[in-house]
Amino acid sequence: MPEDLASNMGFIMGTRHRERVVQILGSKGKLSAEKVAKFEHIPAISVKKILSDMADRSLVFENEGIWCLTEAGQEIEKEMKKRA
């Protein structure tokens, strides 16, 4: 596993909320932070912080309030599915 993938996996797997955000974006596709929060029953402020932290690692990107996984984020989601 490439070092950056391993590092990002550790970051995502560090909290259940990060894992769930990756899973929901992977399964539902492009969503607003508010919709992610509603689906996962996580406070919207927490989801926004998680998405911002993930964007800093180029795992998600935002366009006009809609978030989706980047290619790197999709790799993380695939790796998570393998481990489930």
N, C-alpha and C. Protein backbone atom coordinates (compact mmCIF):
# COMPACT_ATOMS: atom_id res chain seq x y z
N MET A 1 0.86 -1.18 0.00
CA MET A 1 0.00 0.00 0.00
C MET A 1 0.91 1.24 0.00
N PRO A 2 0.70 2.16 -0.93
CA PRO A 2 1.52 3.38 -0.94
C PRO A 2 1.43 4.14 0.37
N GLU A 3 2.51 4.83 0.72
CA GLU A 3 2.59 5.51 2.02
C GLU A 3 1.46 6.52 2.21
N ASP A 4 1.13 7.31 1.17
CA ASP A 4 0.08 8.31 1.33
C ASP A 4 -1.28 7.65 1.54
N LEU A 5 -1.52 6.52 0.87
CA LEU A 5 -2.77 5.79 1.07
C LEU A 5 -2.83 5.27 2.50
N ALA A 6 -1.72 4.70 2.98
CA ALA A 6 -1.68 4.18 4.35
C ALA A 6 -1.89 5.30 5.36
N SER A 7 -1.26 6.43 5.13
CA SER A 7 -1.41 7.58 6.03
C SER A 7 -2.85 8.07 6.05
N ASN A 8 -3.45 8.19 4.88
CA ASN A 8 -4.84 8.65 4.81
C ASN A 8 -5.81 7.62 5.38
N MET A 9 -5.52 6.34 5.22
CA MET A 9 -6.36 5.30 5.82
C MET A 9 -6.34 5.45 7.34
N GLY A 10 -5.16 5.66 7.89
CA GLY A 10 -5.05 5.85 9.34
C GLY A 10 -5.83 7.06 9.80
N PHE A 11 -5.75 8.13 9.03
CA PHE A 11 -6.50 9.36 9.36
C PHE A 11 -7.99 9.08 9.35
N ILE A 12 -8.50 8.45 8.31
CA ILE A 12 -9.94 8.18 8.20
C ILE A 12 -10.39 7.19 9.26
N MET A 13 -9.63 6.13 9.45
CA MET A 13 -10.03 5.10 10.41
C MET A 13 -9.85 5.57 11.86
N GLY A 14 -9.26 6.74 12.05
CA GLY A 14 -9.04 7.28 13.39
C GLY A 14 -10.32 7.61 14.13
N THR A 15 -11.38 7.93 13.41
CA THR A 15 -12.67 8.19 14.07
C THR A 15 -13.80 7.57 13.27
N ARG A 16 -14.79 7.13 13.96
CA ARG A 16 -15.95 6.51 13.32
C ARG A 16 -16.68 7.52 12.43
N HIS A 17 -16.72 8.78 12.86
CA HIS A 17 -17.41 9.79 12.07
C HIS A 17 -16.74 9.99 10.72
N ARG A 18 -15.42 10.02 10.68
CA ARG A 18 -14.72 10.16 9.39
C ARG A 18 -15.03 8.96 8.50
N GLU A 19 -15.00 7.78 9.08
CA GLU A 19 -15.32 6.57 8.32
C GLU A 19 -16.71 6.68 7.70
N ARG A 20 -17.68 7.11 8.50
CA ARG A 20 -19.06 7.20 8.02
C ARG A 20 -19.21 8.25 6.92
N VAL A 21 -18.49 9.36 7.04
CA VAL A 21 -18.56 10.40 6.00
C VAL A 21 -18.03 9.84 4.68
N VAL A 22 -16.92 9.12 4.73
CA VAL A 22 -16.38 8.51 3.51
C VAL A 22 -17.38 7.50 2.94
N GLN A 23 -17.96 6.68 3.81
CA GLN A 23 -18.90 5.66 3.36
C GLN A 23 -20.14 6.28 2.72
N ILE A 24 -20.68 7.32 3.33
CA ILE A 24 -21.90 7.93 2.80
C ILE A 24 -21.63 8.63 1.47
N LEU A 25 -20.50 9.32 1.36
CA LEU A 25 -20.18 9.96 0.08
C LEU A 25 -19.90 8.90 -0.98
N GLY A 26 -19.31 7.79 -0.58
CA GLY A 26 -19.05 6.70 -1.52
C GLY A 26 -20.33 6.06 -2.02
N SER A 27 -21.29 5.89 -1.14
CA SER A 27 -22.52 5.20 -1.53
C SER A 27 -23.56 6.13 -2.16
N LYS A 28 -23.66 7.36 -1.66
CA LYS A 28 -24.70 8.27 -2.14
C LYS A 28 -24.20 9.24 -3.21
N GLY A 29 -22.88 9.41 -3.30
CA GLY A 29 -22.34 10.36 -4.28
C GLY A 29 -22.25 11.76 -3.70
N LYS A 30 -22.50 12.75 -4.53
CA LYS A 30 -22.35 14.16 -4.16
C LYS A 30 -23.47 14.59 -3.22
N LEU A 31 -23.06 15.20 -2.08
CA LEU A 31 -24.03 15.64 -1.08
C LEU A 31 -23.56 16.93 -0.42
N SER A 32 -24.51 17.69 0.11
CA SER A 32 -24.16 18.85 0.94
C SER A 32 -23.74 18.33 2.32
N ALA A 33 -23.01 19.15 3.06
CA ALA A 33 -22.60 18.78 4.41
C ALA A 33 -23.84 18.52 5.28
N GLU A 34 -24.88 19.32 5.07
CA GLU A 34 -26.11 19.16 5.85
C GLU A 34 -26.77 17.80 5.60
N LYS A 35 -26.76 17.35 4.34
CA LYS A 35 -27.36 16.04 4.03
C LYS A 35 -26.53 14.91 4.63
N VAL A 36 -25.20 15.04 4.57
CA VAL A 36 -24.34 14.04 5.21
C VAL A 36 -24.67 13.97 6.69
N ALA A 37 -24.78 15.14 7.32
CA ALA A 37 -25.09 15.20 8.75
C ALA A 37 -26.43 14.53 9.05
N LYS A 38 -27.41 14.79 8.21
CA LYS A 38 -28.75 14.23 8.42
C LYS A 38 -28.73 12.70 8.26
N PHE A 39 -28.08 12.21 7.21
CA PHE A 39 -28.00 10.76 6.98
C PHE A 39 -27.31 10.06 8.15
N GLU A 40 -26.27 10.67 8.66
CA GLU A 40 -25.42 10.00 9.65
C GLU A 40 -25.73 10.40 11.10
N HIS A 41 -26.66 11.31 11.28
CA HIS A 41 -27.00 11.77 12.63
C HIS A 41 -25.77 12.30 13.37
N ILE A 42 -24.98 13.08 12.65
CA ILE A 42 -23.80 13.75 13.19
C ILE A 42 -24.09 15.24 13.10
N PRO A 43 -23.76 16.03 14.13
CA PRO A 43 -24.00 17.47 14.03
C PRO A 43 -23.34 18.07 12.78
N ALA A 44 -24.07 18.97 12.10
CA ALA A 44 -23.57 19.57 10.85
C ALA A 44 -22.23 20.25 11.06
N ILE A 45 -22.02 20.91 12.20
CA ILE A 45 -20.74 21.58 12.46
C ILE A 45 -19.60 20.57 12.46
N SER A 46 -19.86 19.38 13.00
CA SER A 46 -18.83 18.32 13.02
C SER A 46 -18.55 17.81 11.61
N VAL A 47 -19.61 17.63 10.83
CA VAL A 47 -19.44 17.16 9.45
C VAL A 47 -18.63 18.17 8.65
N LYS A 48 -18.93 19.45 8.82
CA LYS A 48 -18.18 20.49 8.10
C LYS A 48 -16.70 20.47 8.46
N LYS A 49 -16.39 20.26 9.74
CA LYS A 49 -14.99 20.17 10.17
C LYS A 49 -14.32 18.93 9.57
N ILE A 50 -15.03 17.81 9.60
CA ILE A 50 -14.49 16.57 9.02
C ILE A 50 -14.22 16.77 7.53
N LEU A 51 -15.18 17.34 6.81
CA LEU A 51 -15.00 17.57 5.37
C LEU A 51 -13.85 18.52 5.10
N SER A 52 -13.73 19.56 5.91
CA SER A 52 -12.62 20.50 5.75
C SER A 52 -11.27 19.80 5.96
N ASP A 53 -11.17 18.99 7.02
CA ASP A 53 -9.94 18.24 7.29
C ASP A 53 -9.64 17.26 6.15
N MET A 54 -10.67 16.62 5.63
CA MET A 54 -10.48 15.68 4.52
C MET A 54 -10.09 16.42 3.25
N ALA A 55 -10.62 17.62 3.04
CA ALA A 55 -10.26 18.43 1.87
C ALA A 55 -8.79 18.83 1.94
N ASP A 56 -8.29 19.12 3.16
CA ASP A 56 -6.88 19.46 3.33
C ASP A 56 -5.97 18.32 2.88
N ARG A 57 -6.48 17.10 2.93
CA ARG A 57 -5.72 15.91 2.50
C ARG A 57 -6.09 15.48 1.09
N SER A 58 -6.88 16.31 0.40
CA SER A 58 -7.32 16.03 -0.98
C SER A 58 -8.12 14.74 -1.11
N LEU A 59 -8.93 14.44 -0.09
CA LEU A 59 -9.78 13.25 -0.12
C LEU A 59 -11.19 13.57 -0.58
N VAL A 60 -11.59 14.83 -0.42
CA VAL A 60 -12.89 15.31 -0.88
C VAL A 60 -12.69 16.68 -1.50
N PHE A 61 -13.65 17.10 -2.31
CA PHE A 61 -13.65 18.48 -2.77
C PHE A 61 -15.07 19.00 -2.78
N GLU A 62 -15.17 20.31 -2.73
CA GLU A 62 -16.46 20.98 -2.61
C GLU A 62 -16.65 21.90 -3.79
N ASN A 63 -17.86 21.90 -4.33
CA ASN A 63 -18.21 22.79 -5.42
C ASN A 63 -19.60 23.33 -5.13
N GLU A 64 -19.67 24.61 -4.85
CA GLU A 64 -20.94 25.29 -4.56
C GLU A 64 -21.74 24.58 -3.47
N GLY A 65 -21.05 24.18 -2.40
CA GLY A 65 -21.71 23.58 -1.25
C GLY A 65 -21.97 22.09 -1.36
N ILE A 66 -21.57 21.48 -2.46
CA ILE A 66 -21.76 20.04 -2.66
C ILE A 66 -20.39 19.36 -2.58
N TRP A 67 -20.32 18.32 -1.77
CA TRP A 67 -19.06 17.60 -1.52
C TRP A 67 -19.07 16.25 -2.21
N CYS A 68 -17.89 15.83 -2.66
CA CYS A 68 -17.75 14.48 -3.19
C CYS A 68 -16.32 13.99 -2.98
N LEU A 69 -16.15 12.69 -3.08
CA LEU A 69 -14.83 12.08 -2.91
C LEU A 69 -13.96 12.38 -4.12
N THR A 70 -12.68 12.63 -3.88
CA THR A 70 -11.71 12.72 -4.96
C THR A 70 -11.29 11.29 -5.33
N GLU A 71 -10.42 11.17 -6.29
CA GLU A 71 -9.91 9.84 -6.65
C GLU A 71 -9.24 9.20 -5.44
N ALA A 72 -8.47 9.98 -4.70
CA ALA A 72 -7.81 9.45 -3.49
C ALA A 72 -8.85 9.01 -2.46
N GLY A 73 -9.92 9.79 -2.32
CA GLY A 73 -10.99 9.44 -1.39
C GLY A 73 -11.69 8.16 -1.80
N GLN A 74 -11.86 7.98 -3.12
CA GLN A 74 -12.49 6.76 -3.62
C GLN A 74 -11.61 5.54 -3.34
N GLU A 75 -10.29 5.72 -3.42
CA GLU A 75 -9.36 4.63 -3.10
C GLU A 75 -9.51 4.23 -1.63
N ILE A 76 -9.64 5.22 -0.76
CA ILE A 76 -9.83 4.95 0.67
C ILE A 76 -11.12 4.16 0.87
N GLU A 77 -12.18 4.60 0.21
CA GLU A 77 -13.47 3.92 0.36
C GLU A 77 -13.38 2.47 -0.11
N LYS A 78 -12.70 2.22 -1.23
CA LYS A 78 -12.53 0.85 -1.72
C LYS A 78 -11.75 0.01 -0.72
N GLU A 79 -10.69 0.58 -0.16
CA GLU A 79 -9.88 -0.13 0.82
C GLU A 79 -10.70 -0.45 2.08
N MET A 80 -11.56 0.49 2.49
CA MET A 80 -12.42 0.25 3.65
C MET A 80 -13.38 -0.91 3.38
N LYS A 81 -13.92 -0.98 2.17
CA LYS A 81 -14.85 -2.07 1.82
C LYS A 81 -14.14 -3.42 1.88
N LYS A 82 -12.88 -3.45 1.43
CA LYS A 82 -12.11 -4.70 1.46
C LYS A 82 -11.94 -5.18 2.89
N ARG A 83 -11.76 -4.24 3.81
CA ARG A 83 -11.49 -4.59 5.22
C ARG A 83 -12.76 -4.89 6.01
N ALA A 84 -13.91 -4.54 5.46
CA ALA A 84 -15.17 -4.74 6.22
C ALA A 84 -15.56 -6.19 6.32
